[in-house]
PDB file of N, CA and C in Angstrom:
ATOM      1  N   MET A   1      53.939 113.961 108.825  1.00  0.00           N
ATOM      2  CA  MET A   1      53.825 114.521 107.565  1.00  0.00           C
ATOM      3  C   MET A   1      53.096 114.609 106.822  1.00  0.00           C
ATOM      4  N   THR A   2      52.308 116.002 106.224  1.00  0.00           N
ATOM      5  CA  THR A   2      51.288 115.963 105.343  1.00  0.00           C
ATOM      6  C   THR A   2      51.545 115.584 103.891  1.00  0.00           C
ATOM      7  N   LYS A   3      50.880 115.178 102.968  1.00  0.00           N
ATOM      8  CA  LYS A   3      50.558 114.766 101.902  1.00  0.00           C
ATOM      9  C   LYS A   3      51.619 115.947 100.827  1.00  0.00           C
ATOM     10  N   LYS A   4      51.156 117.107 101.278  1.00  0.00           N
ATOM     11  CA  LYS A   4      51.728 118.109 100.590  1.00  0.00           C
ATOM     12  C   LYS A   4      53.203 118.236 100.531  1.00  0.00           C
ATOM     13  N   GLU A   5      53.851 118.242 102.084  1.00  0.00           N
ATOM     14  CA  GLU A   5      55.042 118.095 102.261  1.00  0.00           C
ATOM     15  C   GLU A   5      56.207 116.731 101.733  1.00  0.00           C
ATOM     16  N   GLN A   6      55.043 115.502 101.724  1.00  0.00           N
ATOM     17  CA  GLN A   6      55.529 114.139 100.783  1.00  0.00           C
ATOM     18  C   GLN A   6      55.767 114.675  99.506  1.00  0.00           C
ATOM     19  N   LYS A   7      54.676 114.969  98.932  1.00  0.00           N
ATOM     20  CA  LYS A   7      55.011 115.399  97.451  1.00  0.00           C
ATOM     21  C   LYS A   7      56.061 116.390  97.114  1.00  0.00           C
ATOM     22  N   ASN A   8      56.406 117.693  98.064  1.00  0.00           N
ATOM     23  CA  ASN A   8      57.515 118.533  97.873  1.00  0.00           C
ATOM     24  C   ASN A   8      58.684 117.734  97.895  1.00  0.00           C
ATOM     25  N   ILE A   9      58.966 116.846  98.907  1.00  0.00           N
ATOM     26  CA  ILE A   9      60.319 116.117  99.384  1.00  0.00           C
ATOM     27  C   ILE A   9      60.515 115.039  97.880  1.00  0.00           C
ATOM     28  N   ILE A  10      59.101 114.583  97.541  1.00  0.00           N
ATOM     29  CA  ILE A  10      59.437 113.530  96.472  1.00  0.00           C
ATOM     30  C   ILE A  10      60.184 114.437  95.038  1.00  0.00           C
ATOM     31  N   THR A  11      59.206 115.775  95.032  1.00  0.00           N
ATOM     32  CA  THR A  11      59.655 116.628  93.648  1.00  0.00           C
ATOM     33  C   THR A  11      60.778 116.920  93.616  1.00  0.00           C
ATOM     34  N   LYS A  12      61.182 117.417  94.791  1.00  0.00           N
ATOM     35  CA  LYS A  12      62.893 117.815  94.957  1.00  0.00           C
ATOM     36  C   LYS A  12      63.928 116.726  94.682  1.00  0.00           C
ATOM     37  N   HIS A  13      63.527 115.633  95.100  1.00  0.00           N
ATOM     38  CA  HIS A  13      64.402 114.495  95.120  1.00  0.00           C
ATOM     39  C   HIS A  13      64.302 114.216  93.555  1.00  0.00           C
ATOM     40  N   VAL A  14      63.383 113.888  92.922  1.00  0.00           N
ATOM     41  CA  VAL A  14      63.424 113.579  91.535  1.00  0.00           C
ATOM     42  C   VAL A  14      63.825 114.829  90.584  1.00  0.00           C
ATOM     43  N   ILE A  15      63.729 115.982  90.780  1.00  0.00           N
ATOM     44  CA  ILE A  15      64.359 117.019  90.039  1.00  0.00           C
ATOM     45  C   ILE A  15      65.750 117.073  90.183  1.00  0.00           C
ATOM     46  N   ASP A  16      66.375 116.689  91.338  1.00  0.00           N
ATOM     47  CA  ASP A  16      67.606 116.830  91.663  1.00  0.00           C
ATOM     48  C   ASP A  16      68.491 115.274  91.000  1.00  0.00           C
ATOM     49  N   ALA A  17      67.656 114.514  90.858  1.00  0.00           N
ATOM     50  CA  ALA A  17      68.199 113.140  90.309  1.00  0.00           C
ATOM     51  C   ALA A  17      68.338 113.228  89.062  1.00  0.00           C
ATOM     52  N   VAL A  18      67.248 113.495  88.337  1.00  0.00           N
ATOM     53  CA  VAL A  18      67.447 113.950  86.840  1.00  0.00           C
ATOM     54  C   VAL A  18      68.607 114.521  86.511  1.00  0.00           C
ATOM     55  N   GLN A  19      68.721 115.982  87.242  1.00  0.00           N
ATOM     56  CA  GLN A  19      69.767 116.734  86.725  1.00  0.00           C
ATOM     57  C   GLN A  19      70.809 116.266  87.064  1.00  0.00           C
ATOM     58  N   LYS A  20      71.195 115.334  88.161  1.00  0.00           N
ATOM     59  CA  LYS A  20      72.701 114.651  88.299  1.00  0.00           C
ATOM     60  C   LYS A  20      72.651 113.539  87.281  1.00  0.00           C
ATOM     61  N   ASN A  21      72.025 112.703  86.877  1.00  0.00           N
ATOM     62  CA  ASN A  21      72.044 111.380  85.888  1.00  0.00           C
ATOM     63  C   ASN A  21      71.578 111.846  84.441  1.00  0.00           C
ATOM     64  N   PHE A  22      71.311 113.086  83.878  1.00  0.00           N
ATOM     65  CA  PHE A  22      71.203 113.319  82.564  1.00  0.00           C
ATOM     66  C   PHE A  22      71.490 114.488  82.131  1.00  0.00           C
ATOM     67  N   ASN A  23      72.079 114.787  80.803  1.00  0.00           N
ATOM     68  CA  ASN A  23      72.573 116.348  80.682  1.00  0.00           C
ATOM     69  C   ASN A  23      71.289 117.123  80.470  1.00  0.00           C
ATOM     70  N   VAL A  24      71.143 117.710  81.731  1.00  0.00           N
ATOM     71  CA  VAL A  24      70.029 118.734  81.661  1.00  0.00           C
ATOM     72  C   VAL A  24      70.365 120.035  81.004  1.00  0.00           C
ATOM     73  N   VAL A  25      69.636 120.714  79.947  1.00  0.00           N
ATOM     74  CA  VAL A  25      70.320 121.831  79.139  1.00  0.00           C
ATOM     75  C   VAL A  25      69.372 123.204  79.321  1.00  0.00           C
ATOM     76  N   GLU A  26      68.108 122.754  80.015  1.00  0.00           N
ATOM     77  CA  GLU A  26      66.941 123.806  80.324  1.00  0.00           C
ATOM     78  C   GLU A  26      66.468 122.957  81.578  1.00  0.00           C
ATOM     79  N   ASP A  27      66.953 123.778  82.526  1.00  0.00           N
ATOM     80  CA  ASP A  27      66.171 123.367  83.854  1.00  0.00           C
ATOM     81  C   ASP A  27      64.802 123.518  84.112  1.00  0.00           C
ATOM     82  N   PHE A  28      64.133 122.585  84.875  1.00  0.00           N
ATOM     83  CA  PHE A  28      63.031 122.546  85.187  1.00  0.00           C
ATOM     84  C   PHE A  28      62.243 123.701  85.542  1.00  0.00           C
ATOM     85  N   ASN A  29      61.004 124.030  84.913  1.00  0.00           N
ATOM     86  CA  ASN A  29      60.579 125.010  85.047  1.00  0.00           C
ATOM     87  C   ASN A  29      59.101 124.948  84.890  1.00  0.00           C
ATOM     88  N   ASP A  30      58.099 125.938  85.642  1.00  0.00           N
ATOM     89  CA  ASP A  30      56.665 125.777  85.428  1.00  0.00           C
ATOM     90  C   ASP A  30      56.132 127.439  85.524  1.00  0.00           C
ATOM     91  N   GLU A  31      56.717 128.057  84.884  1.00  0.00           N
ATOM     92  CA  GLU A  31      56.310 129.521  84.871  1.00  0.00           C
ATOM     93  C   GLU A  31      54.729 129.569  84.315  1.00  0.00           C
ATOM     94  N   GLU A  32      54.266 128.919  83.669  1.00  0.00           N
ATOM     95  CA  GLU A  32      52.912 128.969  83.343  1.00  0.00           C
ATOM     96  C   GLU A  32      51.780 128.383  84.109  1.00  0.00           C
ATOM     97  N   GLY A  33      52.194 127.763  85.220  1.00  0.00           N
ATOM     98  CA  GLY A  33      51.447 127.052  86.279  1.00  0.00           C
ATOM     99  C   GLY A  33      50.006 126.251  85.973  1.00  0.00           C
ATOM    100  N   ARG A  34      51.011 125.320  84.821  1.00  0.00           N
ATOM    101  CA  ARG A  34      49.918 124.313  84.230  1.00  0.00           C
ATOM    102  C   ARG A  34      49.944 123.009  84.679  1.00  0.00           C
ATOM    103  N   GLY A  35      50.675 122.855  85.954  1.00  0.00           N
ATOM    104  CA  GLY A  35      50.960 121.576  86.373  1.00  0.00           C
ATOM    105  C   GLY A  35      51.823 120.728  85.749  1.00  0.00           C
ATOM    106  N   TYR A  36      52.464 121.375  84.913  1.00  0.00           N
ATOM    107  CA  TYR A  36      53.864 120.375  84.282  1.00  0.00           C
ATOM    108  C   TYR A  36      54.964 121.183  84.441  1.00  0.00           C
ATOM    109  N   PHE A  37      56.534 120.425  84.663  1.00  0.00           N
ATOM    110  CA  PHE A  37      57.781 121.079  84.659  1.00  0.00           C
ATOM    111  C   PHE A  37      57.926 121.040  83.190  1.00  0.00           C
ATOM    112  N   THR A  38      58.699 122.037  82.586  1.00  0.00           N
ATOM    113  CA  THR A  38      59.145 121.772  81.164  1.00  0.00           C
ATOM    114  C   THR A  38      60.582 121.793  81.404  1.00  0.00           C
ATOM    115  N   PHE A  39      61.550 120.882  80.432  1.00  0.00           N
ATOM    116  CA  PHE A  39      62.855 120.825  80.730  1.00  0.00           C
ATOM    117  C   PHE A  39      63.114 119.897  79.521  1.00  0.00           C
ATOM    118  N   ALA A  40      64.659 120.525  79.370  1.00  0.00           N
ATOM    119  CA  ALA A  40      65.228 119.975  78.174  1.00  0.00           C
ATOM    120  C   ALA A  40      66.450 118.942  78.355  1.00  0.00           C
ATOM    121  N   ILE A  41      66.701 117.960  77.707  1.00  0.00           N
ATOM    122  CA  ILE A  41      67.815 117.090  77.838  1.00  0.00           C
ATOM    123  C   ILE A  41      68.779 116.954  76.643  1.00  0.00           C
ATOM    124  N   GLU A  42      70.275 116.979  76.582  1.00  0.00           N
ATOM    125  CA  GLU A  42      70.601 116.986  75.608  1.00  0.00           C
ATOM    126  C   GLU A  42      71.252 115.384  75.297  1.00  0.00           C
ATOM    127  N   HIS A  43      70.883 114.776  74.270  1.00  0.00           N
ATOM    128  CA  HIS A  43      71.502 113.587  74.079  1.00  0.00           C
ATOM    129  C   HIS A  43      72.149 113.461  72.520  1.00  0.00           C
ATOM    130  N   GLU A  44      73.271 112.689  72.754  1.00  0.00           N
ATOM    131  CA  GLU A  44      73.923 112.640  71.441  1.00  0.00           C
ATOM    132  C   GLU A  44      73.881 114.032  70.681  1.00  0.00           C
ATOM    133  N   GLY A  45      74.055 114.959  71.260  1.00  0.00           N
ATOM    134  CA  GLY A  45      74.240 116.421  70.680  1.00  0.00           C
ATOM    135  C   GLY A  45      72.929 117.012  69.941  1.00  0.00           C
ATOM    136  N   VAL A  46      71.684 116.210  70.476  1.00  0.00           N
ATOM    137  CA  VAL A  46      70.324 116.598  70.020  1.00  0.00           C
ATOM    138  C   VAL A  46      69.422 117.220  71.435  1.00  0.00           C
ATOM    139  N   GLU A  47      69.029 118.178  71.345  1.00  0.00           N
ATOM    140  CA  GLU A  47      68.303 118.793  72.386  1.00  0.00           C
ATOM    141  C   GLU A  47      66.831 118.113  72.333  1.00  0.00           C
ATOM    142  N   PHE A  48      66.280 117.363  73.453  1.00  0.00           N
ATOM    143  CA  PHE A  48      64.804 116.839  73.507  1.00  0.00           C
ATOM    144  C   PHE A  48      64.097 117.793  74.370  1.00  0.00           C
ATOM    145  N   ARG A  49      63.118 118.200  74.424  1.00  0.00           N
ATOM    146  CA  ARG A  49      62.312 118.842  75.523  1.00  0.00           C
ATOM    147  C   ARG A  49      61.124 117.763  75.887  1.00  0.00           C
ATOM    148  N   PHE A  50      60.698 118.126  77.078  1.00  0.00           N
ATOM    149  CA  PHE A  50      59.851 117.194  78.039  1.00  0.00           C
ATOM    150  C   PHE A  50      58.955 118.130  78.445  1.00  0.00           C
ATOM    151  N   ASP A  51      57.913 117.154  79.061  1.00  0.00           N
ATOM    152  CA  ASP A  51      57.013 117.901  80.159  1.00  0.00           C
ATOM    153  C   ASP A  51      56.793 116.672  81.358  1.00  0.00           C
ATOM    154  N   MET A  52      57.094 117.298  82.590  1.00  0.00           N
ATOM    155  CA  MET A  52      56.921 116.306  83.735  1.00  0.00           C
ATOM    156  C   MET A  52      55.694 116.527  84.749  1.00  0.00           C
ATOM    157  N   SER A  53      54.708 115.930  84.782  1.00  0.00           N
ATOM    158  CA  SER A  53      53.523 116.231  85.396  1.00  0.00           C
ATOM    159  C   SER A  53      53.793 116.177  86.946  1.00  0.00           C
ATOM    160  N   ARG A  54      53.244 117.512  87.555  1.00  0.00           N
ATOM    161  CA  ARG A  54      53.650 117.903  88.876  1.00  0.00           C
ATOM    162  C   ARG A  54      52.742 116.749  89.716  1.00  0.00           C
ATOM    163  N   ASN A  55      51.686 116.236  89.048  1.00  0.00           N
ATOM    164  CA  ASN A  55      51.041 115.180  90.036  1.00  0.00           C
ATOM    165  C   ASN A  55      51.405 114.031  90.157  1.00  0.00           C
ATOM    166  N   ASP A  56      51.685 112.884  88.773  1.00  0.00           N
ATOM    167  CA  ASP A  56      52.333 111.658  89.011  1.00  0.00           C
ATOM    168  C   ASP A  56      53.793 111.350  88.373  1.00  0.00           C
ATOM    169  N   PHE A  57      54.202 112.758  88.198  1.00  0.00           N
ATOM    170  CA  PHE A  57      55.684 112.673  87.482  1.00  0.00           C
ATOM    171  C   PHE A  57      55.769 111.930  86.028  1.00  0.00           C
ATOM    172  N   SER A  58      54.838 111.821  85.507  1.00  0.00           N
ATOM    173  CA  SER A  58      55.017 111.077  84.148  1.00  0.00           C
ATOM    174  C   SER A  58      55.708 112.299  83.465  1.00  0.00           C
ATOM    175  N   ILE A  59      56.259 111.531  82.115  1.00  0.00           N
ATOM    176  CA  ILE A  59      57.128 112.471  81.006  1.00  0.00           C
ATOM    177  C   ILE A  59      56.149 112.546  79.651  1.00  0.00           C
ATOM    178  N   ILE A  60      56.459 113.667  79.215  1.00  0.00           N
ATOM    179  CA  ILE A  60      55.737 113.682  77.869  1.00  0.00           C
ATOM    180  C   ILE A  60      56.533 114.317  77.209  1.00  0.00           C
ATOM    181  N   SER A  61      57.012 113.850  75.780  1.00  0.00           N
ATOM    182  CA  SER A  61      58.007 114.532  74.907  1.00  0.00           C
ATOM    183  C   SER A  61      57.033 115.288  74.059  1.00  0.00           C
ATOM    184  N   TYR A  62      58.089 116.453  73.549  1.00  0.00           N
ATOM    185  CA  TYR A  62      57.785 117.438  72.631  1.00  0.00           C
ATOM    186  C   TYR A  62      57.492 116.866  71.183  1.00  0.00           C
ATOM    187  N   LYS A  63      58.292 115.935  70.810  1.00  0.00           N
ATOM    188  CA  LYS A  63      58.392 115.325  69.632  1.00  0.00           C
ATOM    189  C   LYS A  63      56.976 114.832  69.115  1.00  0.00           C
ATOM    190  N   ILE A  64      56.788 115.014  67.641  1.00  0.00           N
ATOM    191  CA  ILE A  64      55.471 114.382  67.340  1.00  0.00           C
ATOM    192  C   ILE A  64      55.708 113.398  66.321  1.00  0.00           C
ATOM    193  N   LYS A  65      54.765 112.342  66.436  1.00  0.00           N
ATOM    194  CA  LYS A  65      55.299 111.229  65.547  1.00  0.00           C
ATOM    195  C   LYS A  65      55.278 111.656  64.058  1.00  0.00           C
ATOM    196  N   GLY A  66      56.230 110.867  63.444  1.00  0.00           N
ATOM    197  CA  GLY A  66      57.077 111.491  62.209  1.00  0.00           C
ATOM    198  C   GLY A  66      57.987 112.500  62.012  1.00  0.00           C
ATOM    199  N   GLU A  67      57.959 113.112  62.995  1.00  0.00           N
ATOM    200  CA  GLU A  67      59.082 114.067  62.892  1.00  0.00           C
ATOM    201  C   GLU A  67      60.648 113.699  63.585  1.00  0.00           C
ATOM    202  N   LYS A  68      61.635 114.154  62.708  1.00  0.00           N
ATOM    203  CA  LYS A  68      62.885 113.685  62.983  1.00  0.00           C
ATOM    204  C   LYS A  68      62.984 113.551  64.718  1.00  0.00           C
ATOM    205  N   GLY A  69      63.902 112.564  65.098  1.00  0.00           N
ATOM    206  CA  GLY A  69      64.057 112.747  66.695  1.00  0.00           C
ATOM    207  C   GLY A  69      62.801 111.725  67.264  1.00  0.00           C
ATOM    208  N   HIS A  70      61.958 111.451  66.383  1.00  0.00           N
ATOM    209  CA  HIS A  70      60.482 111.098  67.600  1.00  0.00           C
ATOM    210  C   HIS A  70      60.801 109.785  68.255  1.00  0.00           C
ATOM    211  N   GLN A  71      61.563 109.002  67.585  1.00  0.00           N
ATOM    212  CA  GLN A  71      61.681 107.518  68.151  1.00  0.00           C
ATOM    213  C   GLN A  71      62.999 107.662  69.429  1.00  0.00           C
ATOM    214  N   GLU A  72      63.613 108.443  68.875  1.00  0.00           N
ATOM    215  CA  GLU A  72      64.820 108.509  70.277  1.00  0.00           C
ATOM    216  C   GLU A  72      64.088 109.344  71.213  1.00  0.00           C
ATOM    217  N   ALA A  73      63.231 110.196  70.940  1.00  0.00           N
ATOM    218  CA  ALA A  73      62.628 111.038  72.146  1.00  0.00           C
ATOM    219  C   ALA A  73      61.425 109.878  73.118  1.00  0.00           C
ATOM    220  N   LEU A  74      60.853 109.123  72.279  1.00  0.00           N
ATOM    221  CA  LEU A  74      60.196 108.246  73.085  1.00  0.00           C
ATOM    222  C   LEU A  74      61.115 107.315  73.740  1.00  0.00           C
ATOM    223  N   GLU A  75      62.190 106.804  73.377  1.00  0.00           N
ATOM    224  CA  GLU A  75      63.054 105.907  74.226  1.00  0.00           C
ATOM    225  C   GLU A  75      63.300 106.681  75.237  1.00  0.00           C
ATOM    226  N   LEU A  76      64.068 108.003  75.201  1.00  0.00           N
ATOM    227  CA  LEU A  76      64.476 109.105  76.349  1.00  0.00           C
ATOM    228  C   LEU A  76      63.090 109.019  77.462  1.00  0.00           C
ATOM    229  N   GLU A  77      62.019 109.100  77.252  1.00  0.00           N
ATOM    230  CA  GLU A  77      60.935 109.275  77.669  1.00  0.00           C
ATOM    231  C   GLU A  77      60.560 108.094  78.679  1.00  0.00           C
ATOM    232  N   GLN A  78      60.910 106.920  77.811  1.00  0.00           N
ATOM    233  CA  GLN A  78      60.737 105.601  78.689  1.00  0.00           C
ATOM    234  C   GLN A  78      61.512 105.663  79.651  1.00  0.00           C
ATOM    235  N   GLU A  79      62.799 105.818  79.389  1.00  0.00           N
ATOM    236  CA  GLU A  79      63.998 105.746  80.332  1.00  0.00           C
ATOM    237  C   GLU A  79      63.874 106.807  81.292  1.00  0.00           C
ATOM    238  N   LEU A  80      63.541 107.754  81.136  1.00  0.00           N
ATOM    239  CA  LEU A  80      63.051 109.024  82.393  1.00  0.00           C
ATOM    240  C   LEU A  80      62.004 108.369  83.166  1.00  0.00           C
ATOM    241  N   ASP A  81      60.854 107.778  82.491  1.00  0.00           N
ATOM    242  CA  ASP A  81      59.894 107.483  83.386  1.00  0.00           C
ATOM    243  C   ASP A  81      60.266 106.271  84.459  1.00  0.00           C
ATOM    244  N   GLU A  82      61.079 105.116  83.740  1.00  0.00           N
ATOM    245  CA  GLU A  82      61.521 104.020  84.728  1.00  0.00           C
ATOM    246  C   GLU A  82      62.559 104.882  85.629  1.00  0.00           C
ATOM    247  N   PHE A  83      63.293 105.574  85.523  1.00  0.00           N
ATOM    248  CA  PHE A  83      64.332 106.231  86.398  1.00  0.00           C
ATOM    249  C   PHE A  83      63.598 107.121  87.423  1.00  0.00           C
ATOM    250  N   ILE A  84      62.649 107.816  87.218  1.00  0.00           N
ATOM    251  CA  ILE A  84      62.053 108.488  88.300  1.00  0.00           C
ATOM    252  C   ILE A  84      61.002 107.539  89.139  1.00  0.00           C
ATOM    253  N   ALA A  85      60.442 106.400  88.385  1.00  0.00           N
ATOM    254  CA  ALA A  85      59.802 105.415  89.267  1.00  0.00           C
ATOM    255  C   ALA A  85      60.640 104.820  90.492  1.00  0.00           C
ATOM    256  N   ASN A  86      62.212 104.657  89.838  1.00  0.00           N
ATOM    257  CA  ASN A  86      62.928 103.978  90.830  1.00  0.00           C
ATOM    258  C   ASN A  86      63.312 105.375  91.836  1.00  0.00           C
ATOM    259  N   GLU A  87      63.610 106.320  91.640  1.00  0.00           N
ATOM    260  CA  GLU A  87      63.862 107.664  92.214  1.00  0.00           C
ATOM    261  C   GLU A  87      62.805 107.559  93.226  1.00  0.00           C
ATOM    262  N   ILE A  88      61.702 107.468  93.044  1.00  0.00           N
ATOM    263  CA  ILE A  88      60.147 107.842  93.915  1.00  0.00           C
ATOM    264  C   ILE A  88      60.242 106.727  95.051  1.00  0.00           C
ATOM    265  N   VAL A  89      60.769 105.555  94.439  1.00  0.00           N
ATOM    266  CA  VAL A  89      60.851 104.515  95.481  1.00  0.00           C
ATOM    267  C   VAL A  89      61.654 104.576  96.669  1.00  0.00           C
ATOM    268  N   ILE A  90      62.922 105.241  96.059  1.00  0.00           N
ATOM    269  CA  ILE A  90      64.360 105.291  96.740  1.00  0.00           C
ATOM    270  C   ILE A  90      63.741 106.506  97.963  1.00  0.00           C
ATOM    271  N   VAL A  91      63.069 107.629  97.264  1.00  0.00           N
ATOM    272  CA  VAL A  91      63.224 108.810  98.145  1.00  0.00           C
ATOM    273  C   VAL A  91      61.992 108.490  99.233  1.00  0.00           C
ATOM    274  N   SER A  92      60.975 107.636  98.826  1.00  0.00           N
ATOM    275  CA  SER A  92      59.802 107.381  99.527  1.00  0.00           C
ATOM    276  C   SER A  92      60.225 106.315 100.948  1.00  0.00           C
ATOM    277  N   ILE A  93      60.788 105.347 100.657  1.00  0.00           N
ATOM    278  CA  ILE A  93      61.491 104.401 101.757  1.00  0.00           C
ATOM    279  C   ILE A  93      62.599 105.427 102.529  1.00  0.00           C
ATOM    280  N   LYS A  94      63.510 105.889 102.075  1.00  0.00           N
ATOM    281  CA  LYS A  94      64.452 106.908 102.849  1.00  0.00           C
ATOM    282  C   LYS A  94      63.774 107.954 103.741  1.00  0.00           C
ATOM    283  N   GLU A  95      62.719 108.288 103.191  1.00  0.00           N
ATOM    284  CA  GLU A  95      61.985 109.597 104.180  1.00  0.00           C
ATOM    285  C   GLU A  95      60.836 108.957 105.049  1.00  0.00           C
ATOM    286  N   GLY A  96      60.669 107.532 104.738  1.00  0.00           N
ATOM    287  CA  GLY A  96      59.342 106.792 105.507  1.00  0.00           C
ATOM    288  C   GLY A  96      57.916 107.355 105.030  1.00  0.00           C
ATOM    289  N   ILE A  97      57.980 107.277 103.756  1.00  0.00           N
ATOM    290  CA  ILE A  97      56.725 107.878 103.236  1.00  0.00           C
ATOM    291  C   ILE A  97      55.897 106.516 102.818  1.00  0.00           C
ATOM    292  N   ILE A  98      56.664 105.728 102.422  1.00  0.00           N
ATOM    293  CA  ILE A  98      55.683 104.555 102.252  1.00  0.00           C
ATOM    294  C   ILE A  98      56.426 103.199 103.321  1.00  0.00           C
TER     295      ILE A  98
END
């Protein structure tokens, strides 16, 4: 299996897992080809937007320090990072990537 095939398997698994475990209200898209997937999650009635790197699957929130909801966005960002890291391990073991 090539590195590109491995990355595609992991990417698909991560996106599916996030969609199943979080209230995704705007699906993952990369229309601008920036190397990031943009998506939104609704949490306690508030929509939070994030970017997820295609390279390392890291999460970046759109909320700016001092902006209402910034702390909640940081907490969700951390939760997503930890969740995704676990999912990468799960799919990598399952698919024989590691």
